[in-house]
């Protein structure tokens, strides 16, 4: 069951009772706010660096080259930011390009809630989710932020792709599902998790 709440004017979700093994844990507002702040900063650091790499790649060799750069750089940047900030950062999508970006059950639930919120008129750029759950390994902080499709994203994720882009996607991602988007569609979400039992 999910319940919508507001975080500083930003749409957010609290997941209650994800499964029989995972239950929502009440933590102090200070703990929740501190972890949310760090998660947002992690997403900003990752996205800022990846965007810079992609813009440079497009200028150097066009969108087809950007697909290749994203294929190699996204994982490297994500791993480094995760290591530096003590949080695990990734991206997931209901229509994933990389098989490694397929959502697990709780991430799928949040992505579907984001889609409902967007359909209900909420700004997709402001959709967030945060919670703490008890897992078999201890308490885990979870955060997700929706990724809306911007105009530039259509070069590699739109309905009509240049032949060079399509060829590169066919080569690198033969099971690609991440096409056919329009501006404003939800392409997925950033995911940040942190094991609070180690703090």
C-alpha atoms as a PDB file:
ATOM      1  CA  UNK A   1       0.000   0.000   0.000  1.00  0.00           C
ATOM      2  CA  UNK A   2       1.291   3.484  -0.821  1.00  0.00           C
ATOM      3  CA  UNK A   3       0.466   6.852   0.595  1.00  0.00           C
ATOM      4  CA  UNK A   4       1.345  10.193  -0.999  1.00  0.00           C
ATOM      5  CA  UNK A   5       2.960  12.858   1.183  1.00  0.00           C
ATOM      6  CA  UNK A   6       4.641  16.206   0.579  1.00  0.00           C
ATOM      7  CA  UNK A   7       8.318  16.877   1.193  1.00  0.00           C
ATOM      8  CA  UNK A   8       9.043  20.597   1.151  1.00  0.00           C
ATOM      9  CA  UNK A   9       6.483  21.165  -1.565  1.00  0.00           C
ATOM     10  CA  UNK A  10       7.730  18.245  -3.659  1.00  0.00           C
ATOM     11  CA  UNK A  11       5.508  15.264  -4.445  1.00  0.00           C
ATOM     12  CA  UNK A  12       6.744  12.142  -2.672  1.00  0.00           C
ATOM     13  CA  UNK A  13       5.662   8.686  -1.656  1.00  0.00           C
ATOM     14  CA  UNK A  14       5.937   6.523   1.379  1.00  0.00           C
ATOM     15  CA  UNK A  15       5.805   2.812   0.753  1.00  0.00           C
ATOM     16  CA  UNK A  16       4.137   0.942   3.591  1.00  0.00           C
ATOM     17  CA  UNK A  17       4.633  -2.773   3.985  1.00  0.00           C
ATOM     18  CA  UNK A  18       6.576  -3.473   0.775  1.00  0.00           C
ATOM     19  CA  UNK A  19       6.354  -7.197   1.384  1.00  0.00           C
ATOM     20  CA  UNK A  20       5.950  -9.687   4.182  1.00  0.00           C
ATOM     21  CA  UNK A  21       9.718  -9.481   4.759  1.00  0.00           C
ATOM     22  CA  UNK A  22      10.058  -5.706   4.555  1.00  0.00           C
ATOM     23  CA  UNK A  23       8.184  -3.302   6.790  1.00  0.00           C
ATOM     24  CA  UNK A  24       8.360   0.457   6.947  1.00  0.00           C
ATOM     25  CA  UNK A  25      10.475   1.747   9.832  1.00  0.00           C
ATOM     26  CA  UNK A  26       9.856   5.015  11.632  1.00  0.00           C
ATOM     27  CA  UNK A  27      13.019   7.104  11.893  1.00  0.00           C
ATOM     28  CA  UNK A  28      13.548  10.609  13.201  1.00  0.00           C
ATOM     29  CA  UNK A  29      12.837  13.504  10.822  1.00  0.00           C
ATOM     30  CA  UNK A  30      16.509  14.487  11.123  1.00  0.00           C
ATOM     31  CA  UNK A  31      17.669  11.066   9.897  1.00  0.00           C
ATOM     32  CA  UNK A  32      15.143  11.047   7.043  1.00  0.00           C
ATOM     33  CA  UNK A  33      15.931  14.614   5.985  1.00  0.00           C
ATOM     34  CA  UNK A  34      19.708  14.113   6.147  1.00  0.00           C
ATOM     35  CA  UNK A  35      19.553  10.976   4.006  1.00  0.00           C
ATOM     36  CA  UNK A  36      17.147  12.605   1.560  1.00  0.00           C
ATOM     37  CA  UNK A  37      19.470  15.584   1.212  1.00  0.00           C
ATOM     38  CA  UNK A  38      22.462  13.316   0.575  1.00  0.00           C
ATOM     39  CA  UNK A  39      20.464  11.252  -1.933  1.00  0.00           C
ATOM     40  CA  UNK A  40      19.458  14.369  -3.853  1.00  0.00           C
ATOM     41  CA  UNK A  41      23.079  15.536  -3.897  1.00  0.00           C
ATOM     42  CA  UNK A  42      24.199  12.117  -5.157  1.00  0.00           C
ATOM     43  CA  UNK A  43      21.654  12.214  -7.989  1.00  0.00           C
ATOM     44  CA  UNK A  44      22.688  15.772  -8.876  1.00  0.00           C
ATOM     45  CA  UNK A  45      26.370  14.798  -8.956  1.00  0.00           C
ATOM     46  CA  UNK A  46      25.716  11.742 -11.121  1.00  0.00           C
ATOM     47  CA  UNK A  47      23.345  13.462 -13.517  1.00  0.00           C
ATOM     48  CA  UNK A  48      25.521  16.553 -13.846  1.00  0.00           C
ATOM     49  CA  UNK A  49      28.594  14.562 -14.765  1.00  0.00           C
ATOM     50  CA  UNK A  50      26.801  12.181 -17.122  1.00  0.00           C
ATOM     51  CA  UNK A  51      25.021  15.068 -18.859  1.00  0.00           C
ATOM     52  CA  UNK A  52      28.376  16.772 -19.384  1.00  0.00           C
ATOM     53  CA  UNK A  53      29.818  13.615 -20.919  1.00  0.00           C
ATOM     54  CA  UNK A  54      26.825  13.228 -23.240  1.00  0.00           C
ATOM     55  CA  UNK A  55      26.824  16.864 -24.360  1.00  0.00           C
ATOM     56  CA  UNK A  56      30.534  16.583 -25.180  1.00  0.00           C
ATOM     57  CA  UNK A  57      29.951  13.308 -27.020  1.00  0.00           C
ATOM     58  CA  UNK A  58      27.138  14.782 -29.130  1.00  0.00           C
ATOM     59  CA  UNK A  59      29.343  17.734 -30.065  1.00  0.00           C
ATOM     60  CA  UNK A  60      32.237  15.415 -30.922  1.00  0.00           C
ATOM     61  CA  UNK A  61      30.425  12.736 -32.887  1.00  0.00           C
ATOM     62  CA  UNK A  62      26.667  13.146 -32.806  1.00  0.00           C
ATOM     63  CA  UNK A  63      23.972  11.218 -30.906  1.00  0.00           C
ATOM     64  CA  UNK A  64      25.267   7.838 -32.085  1.00  0.00           C
ATOM     65  CA  UNK A  65      28.584   8.569 -30.388  1.00  0.00           C
ATOM     66  CA  UNK A  66      26.704   9.661 -27.256  1.00  0.00           C
ATOM     67  CA  UNK A  67      25.075   6.203 -27.049  1.00  0.00           C
ATOM     68  CA  UNK A  68      28.526   4.611 -26.950  1.00  0.00           C
ATOM     69  CA  UNK A  69      29.746   7.080 -24.322  1.00  0.00           C
ATOM     70  CA  UNK A  70      26.674   6.524 -22.157  1.00  0.00           C
ATOM     71  CA  UNK A  71      27.241   2.766 -22.431  1.00  0.00           C
ATOM     72  CA  UNK A  72      30.724   3.048 -20.941  1.00  0.00           C
ATOM     73  CA  UNK A  73      30.540   6.145 -18.739  1.00  0.00           C
ATOM     74  CA  UNK A  74      27.190   5.842 -16.914  1.00  0.00           C
ATOM     75  CA  UNK A  75      28.237   2.799 -14.919  1.00  0.00           C
ATOM     76  CA  UNK A  76      31.657   4.249 -14.114  1.00  0.00           C
ATOM     77  CA  UNK A  77      30.170   7.515 -12.865  1.00  0.00           C
ATOM     78  CA  UNK A  78      27.485   5.728 -10.855  1.00  0.00           C
ATOM     79  CA  UNK A  79      30.030   3.482  -9.143  1.00  0.00           C
ATOM     80  CA  UNK A  80      32.319   6.382  -8.281  1.00  0.00           C
ATOM     81  CA  UNK A  81      29.532   8.600  -6.919  1.00  0.00           C
ATOM     82  CA  UNK A  82      28.204   5.655  -4.884  1.00  0.00           C
ATOM     83  CA  UNK A  83      31.631   4.992  -3.425  1.00  0.00           C
ATOM     84  CA  UNK A  84      32.340   8.643  -2.630  1.00  0.00           C
ATOM     85  CA  UNK A  85      28.976   9.268  -0.977  1.00  0.00           C
ATOM     86  CA  UNK A  86      28.399   5.965   0.794  1.00  0.00           C
ATOM     87  CA  UNK A  87      25.146   5.299  -1.051  1.00  0.00           C
ATOM     88  CA  UNK A  88      24.252   2.914  -3.867  1.00  0.00           C
ATOM     89  CA  UNK A  89      23.058   4.911  -6.895  1.00  0.00           C
ATOM     90  CA  UNK A  90      21.479   3.493 -10.039  1.00  0.00           C
ATOM     91  CA  UNK A  91      18.735   4.104 -12.608  1.00  0.00           C
ATOM     92  CA  UNK A  92      15.688   1.985 -13.376  1.00  0.00           C
ATOM     93  CA  UNK A  93      12.899   2.113 -15.936  1.00  0.00           C
ATOM     94  CA  UNK A  94       9.711   0.298 -16.858  1.00  0.00           C
ATOM     95  CA  UNK A  95      11.122   0.449 -20.403  1.00  0.00           C
ATOM     96  CA  UNK A  96      14.788  -0.199 -19.721  1.00  0.00           C
ATOM     97  CA  UNK A  97      17.556   0.019 -22.290  1.00  0.00           C
ATOM     98  CA  UNK A  98      20.204  -1.760 -20.256  1.00  0.00           C
ATOM     99  CA  UNK A  99      18.977  -5.102 -18.812  1.00  0.00           C
ATOM    100  CA  UNK A 100      20.738  -4.111 -15.581  1.00  0.00           C
ATOM    101  CA  UNK A 101      18.331  -1.193 -15.217  1.00  0.00           C
ATOM    102  CA  UNK A 102      15.207  -3.320 -14.865  1.00  0.00           C
ATOM    103  CA  UNK A 103      13.376  -2.459 -11.627  1.00  0.00           C
ATOM    104  CA  UNK A 104      12.883  -4.853  -8.748  1.00  0.00           C
ATOM    105  CA  UNK A 105       9.450  -5.186  -7.132  1.00  0.00           C
ATOM    106  CA  UNK A 106       9.511  -2.140  -4.876  1.00  0.00           C
ATOM    107  CA  UNK A 107      11.089   0.030  -7.572  1.00  0.00           C
ATOM    108  CA  UNK A 108       8.418  -1.055 -10.049  1.00  0.00           C
ATOM    109  CA  UNK A 109       5.717  -0.104  -7.535  1.00  0.00           C
ATOM    110  CA  UNK A 110       7.208   3.384  -7.208  1.00  0.00           C
ATOM    111  CA  UNK A 111       7.609   3.831 -10.975  1.00  0.00           C
ATOM    112  CA  UNK A 112       3.960   2.883 -11.466  1.00  0.00           C
ATOM    113  CA  UNK A 113       2.923   5.349  -8.753  1.00  0.00           C
ATOM    114  CA  UNK A 114       4.980   8.056 -10.482  1.00  0.00           C
ATOM    115  CA  UNK A 115       3.078   7.313 -13.709  1.00  0.00           C
ATOM    116  CA  UNK A 116      -0.247   7.651 -11.879  1.00  0.00           C
ATOM    117  CA  UNK A 117       0.836  10.907 -10.260  1.00  0.00           C
ATOM    118  CA  UNK A 118       1.915  12.302 -13.640  1.00  0.00           C
ATOM    119  CA  UNK A 119      -1.399  11.241 -15.177  1.00  0.00           C
ATOM    120  CA  UNK A 120      -3.097  13.030 -12.284  1.00  0.00           C
ATOM    121  CA  UNK A 121      -1.416  16.292 -13.231  1.00  0.00           C
ATOM    122  CA  UNK A 122       1.657  16.342 -10.994  1.00  0.00           C
ATOM    123  CA  UNK A 123       4.897  17.764 -12.365  1.00  0.00           C
ATOM    124  CA  UNK A 124       7.106  14.750 -13.230  1.00  0.00           C
ATOM    125  CA  UNK A 125      10.243  16.772 -12.482  1.00  0.00           C
ATOM    126  CA  UNK A 126       9.138  17.007  -8.841  1.00  0.00           C
ATOM    127  CA  UNK A 127       8.188  13.387  -8.198  1.00  0.00           C
ATOM    128  CA  UNK A 128      10.193  11.798  -5.401  1.00  0.00           C
ATOM    129  CA  UNK A 129       9.900   8.853  -3.056  1.00  0.00           C
ATOM    130  CA  UNK A 130      11.634   8.124   0.231  1.00  0.00           C
ATOM    131  CA  UNK A 131      11.246   5.595   2.993  1.00  0.00           C
ATOM    132  CA  UNK A 132      13.156   3.386   5.417  1.00  0.00           C
ATOM    133  CA  UNK A 133      12.381  -0.331   5.530  1.00  0.00           C
ATOM    134  CA  UNK A 134      13.535  -3.207   7.697  1.00  0.00           C
ATOM    135  CA  UNK A 135      15.231  -5.830   5.534  1.00  0.00           C
ATOM    136  CA  UNK A 136      16.934  -9.104   6.392  1.00  0.00           C
ATOM    137  CA  UNK A 137      20.222  -7.159   6.456  1.00  0.00           C
ATOM    138  CA  UNK A 138      18.981  -4.268   8.610  1.00  0.00           C
ATOM    139  CA  UNK A 139      17.278  -0.929   8.029  1.00  0.00           C
ATOM    140  CA  UNK A 140      17.621   0.505   4.529  1.00  0.00           C
ATOM    141  CA  UNK A 141      16.954   4.051   3.362  1.00  0.00           C
ATOM    142  CA  UNK A 142      15.388   4.170  -0.107  1.00  0.00           C
ATOM    143  CA  UNK A 143      15.007   7.149  -2.412  1.00  0.00           C
ATOM    144  CA  UNK A 144      13.789   7.533  -5.973  1.00  0.00           C
ATOM    145  CA  UNK A 145      13.512  10.590  -8.212  1.00  0.00           C
ATOM    146  CA  UNK A 146      11.605  10.524 -11.487  1.00  0.00           C
ATOM    147  CA  UNK A 147      13.438  11.221 -14.764  1.00  0.00           C
ATOM    148  CA  UNK A 148      11.247  13.200 -17.184  1.00  0.00           C
ATOM    149  CA  UNK A 149      12.066  13.131 -20.898  1.00  0.00           C
ATOM    150  CA  UNK A 150      13.600  16.372 -22.186  1.00  0.00           C
ATOM    151  CA  UNK A 151      13.868  17.470 -25.807  1.00  0.00           C
ATOM    152  CA  UNK A 152      17.520  16.429 -26.073  1.00  0.00           C
ATOM    153  CA  UNK A 153      16.634  12.914 -24.836  1.00  0.00           C
ATOM    154  CA  UNK A 154      14.620  12.308 -27.993  1.00  0.00           C
ATOM    155  CA  UNK A 155      17.846  11.939 -30.002  1.00  0.00           C
ATOM    156  CA  UNK A 156      18.293   8.495 -28.434  1.00  0.00           C
ATOM    157  CA  UNK A 157      14.918   7.776 -26.832  1.00  0.00           C
ATOM    158  CA  UNK A 158      12.363   9.282 -29.218  1.00  0.00           C
ATOM    159  CA  UNK A 159       9.970   7.683 -31.673  1.00  0.00           C
ATOM    160  CA  UNK A 160      12.065   8.536 -34.741  1.00  0.00           C
ATOM    161  CA  UNK A 161      15.803   7.879 -34.447  1.00  0.00           C
ATOM    162  CA  UNK A 162      18.588   8.656 -36.892  1.00  0.00           C
ATOM    163  CA  UNK A 163      19.894   5.529 -38.656  1.00  0.00           C
ATOM    164  CA  UNK A 164      23.303   5.856 -36.955  1.00  0.00           C
ATOM    165  CA  UNK A 165      21.660   5.996 -33.530  1.00  0.00           C
ATOM    166  CA  UNK A 166      19.436   3.017 -34.250  1.00  0.00           C
ATOM    167  CA  UNK A 167      22.398   1.017 -35.536  1.00  0.00           C
ATOM    168  CA  UNK A 168      24.411   1.745 -32.391  1.00  0.00           C
ATOM    169  CA  UNK A 169      21.464   0.842 -30.159  1.00  0.00           C
ATOM    170  CA  UNK A 170      20.979  -2.428 -32.055  1.00  0.00           C
ATOM    171  CA  UNK A 171      24.666  -3.202 -31.524  1.00  0.00           C
ATOM    172  CA  UNK A 172      24.915  -2.311 -27.818  1.00  0.00           C
ATOM    173  CA  UNK A 173      21.374  -2.994 -26.606  1.00  0.00           C
ATOM    174  CA  UNK A 174      19.696  -5.674 -28.744  1.00  0.00           C
ATOM    175  CA  UNK A 175      16.784  -5.888 -26.274  1.00  0.00           C
ATOM    176  CA  UNK A 176      16.321  -2.116 -25.958  1.00  0.00           C
ATOM    177  CA  UNK A 177      12.863  -0.992 -24.788  1.00  0.00           C
ATOM    178  CA  UNK A 178      13.715   2.670 -24.112  1.00  0.00           C
ATOM    179  CA  UNK A 179      12.397   4.296 -27.291  1.00  0.00           C
ATOM    180  CA  UNK A 180       9.170   5.928 -28.381  1.00  0.00           C
ATOM    181  CA  UNK A 181       9.192   8.631 -25.714  1.00  0.00           C
ATOM    182  CA  UNK A 182       7.827  12.160 -26.058  1.00  0.00           C
ATOM    183  CA  UNK A 183       8.860  15.265 -24.130  1.00  0.00           C
ATOM    184  CA  UNK A 184       7.506  15.070 -20.580  1.00  0.00           C
ATOM    185  CA  UNK A 185       7.157  11.285 -20.492  1.00  0.00           C
ATOM    186  CA  UNK A 186       8.727   9.488 -17.542  1.00  0.00           C
ATOM    187  CA  UNK A 187      11.811   7.624 -18.719  1.00  0.00           C
ATOM    188  CA  UNK A 188      12.426   6.051 -15.346  1.00  0.00           C
ATOM    189  CA  UNK A 189      13.966   7.110 -12.059  1.00  0.00           C
ATOM    190  CA  UNK A 190      17.192   7.506 -10.179  1.00  0.00           C
ATOM    191  CA  UNK A 191      17.461   5.112  -7.237  1.00  0.00           C
ATOM    192  CA  UNK A 192      19.553   5.686  -4.127  1.00  0.00           C
ATOM    193  CA  UNK A 193      19.759   3.214  -1.255  1.00  0.00           C
ATOM    194  CA  UNK A 194      21.780   3.261   1.953  1.00  0.00           C
ATOM    195  CA  UNK A 195      22.280   0.665   4.674  1.00  0.00           C
ATOM    196  CA  UNK A 196      21.496   2.552   7.892  1.00  0.00           C
ATOM    197  CA  UNK A 197      22.567  -0.336  10.102  1.00  0.00           C
ATOM    198  CA  UNK A 198      26.197   0.585   9.364  1.00  0.00           C
ATOM    199  CA  UNK A 199      25.863   4.181  10.571  1.00  0.00           C
END
